[in-house]
């Protein structure tokens, strides 16, 4: 999810598409939060890891 967010962020900057940039930022933030929850050992949505 973080990698997809980075790809969309870069594409948004290169193509000038503001919506791609916004979606990329949201995916990076959500991916980082899920990664932190997964590494802390807390379950999220009934799963220990989100992948």
Protein backbone atom coordinates (compact mmCIF):
# COMPACT_ATOMS: atom_id res chain seq x y z
CA UNK A 1 0.00 0.00 0.00
CA UNK A 2 2.87 2.34 0.77
CA UNK A 3 4.58 1.55 -2.53
CA UNK A 4 1.36 2.13 -4.48
CA UNK A 5 0.97 5.45 -2.67
CA UNK A 6 4.51 6.47 -3.64
CA UNK A 7 3.89 5.54 -7.28
CA UNK A 8 0.67 7.57 -7.39
CA UNK A 9 2.37 10.46 -5.63
CA UNK A 10 5.17 10.56 -8.20
CA UNK A 11 2.75 10.18 -11.12
CA UNK A 12 0.59 12.95 -9.73
CA UNK A 13 3.58 15.28 -9.51
CA UNK A 14 4.90 14.42 -12.97
CA UNK A 15 1.56 14.55 -14.77
CA UNK A 16 0.17 17.48 -12.82
CA UNK A 17 -2.87 15.46 -11.73
CA UNK A 18 -3.73 16.76 -8.29
CA UNK A 19 -6.17 13.93 -7.53
CA UNK A 20 -3.45 11.30 -8.02
CA UNK A 21 -1.23 13.22 -5.62
CA UNK A 22 -3.98 13.32 -2.99
CA UNK A 23 -4.77 9.61 -3.33
CA UNK A 24 -1.06 8.83 -3.06
CA UNK A 25 -0.72 10.78 0.17
CA UNK A 26 -3.77 9.06 1.67
CA UNK A 27 -2.45 5.61 0.73
CA UNK A 28 0.96 6.35 2.24
CA UNK A 29 -0.60 7.50 5.52
CA UNK A 30 -3.01 4.54 5.73
CA UNK A 31 -0.22 2.09 4.85
CA UNK A 32 2.06 3.56 7.50
CA UNK A 33 -0.64 3.34 10.18
CA UNK A 34 -1.44 -0.27 9.28
CA UNK A 35 2.26 -1.16 9.26
CA UNK A 36 2.72 0.36 12.71
CA UNK A 37 -0.30 -1.51 14.05
CA UNK A 38 1.02 -4.74 12.56
CA UNK A 39 4.48 -4.36 14.07
CA UNK A 40 3.16 -3.41 17.50
CA UNK A 41 1.51 -6.82 17.89
CA UNK A 42 -1.99 -5.39 18.14
CA UNK A 43 -4.70 -7.03 16.10
CA UNK A 44 -6.53 -4.86 13.60
CA UNK A 45 -9.71 -6.07 11.97
CA UNK A 46 -9.26 -9.54 13.40
CA UNK A 47 -5.78 -9.95 11.86
CA UNK A 48 -2.35 -9.60 13.37
CA UNK A 49 -0.94 -8.38 10.03
CA UNK A 50 -2.82 -6.45 7.38
CA UNK A 51 -1.34 -8.41 4.43
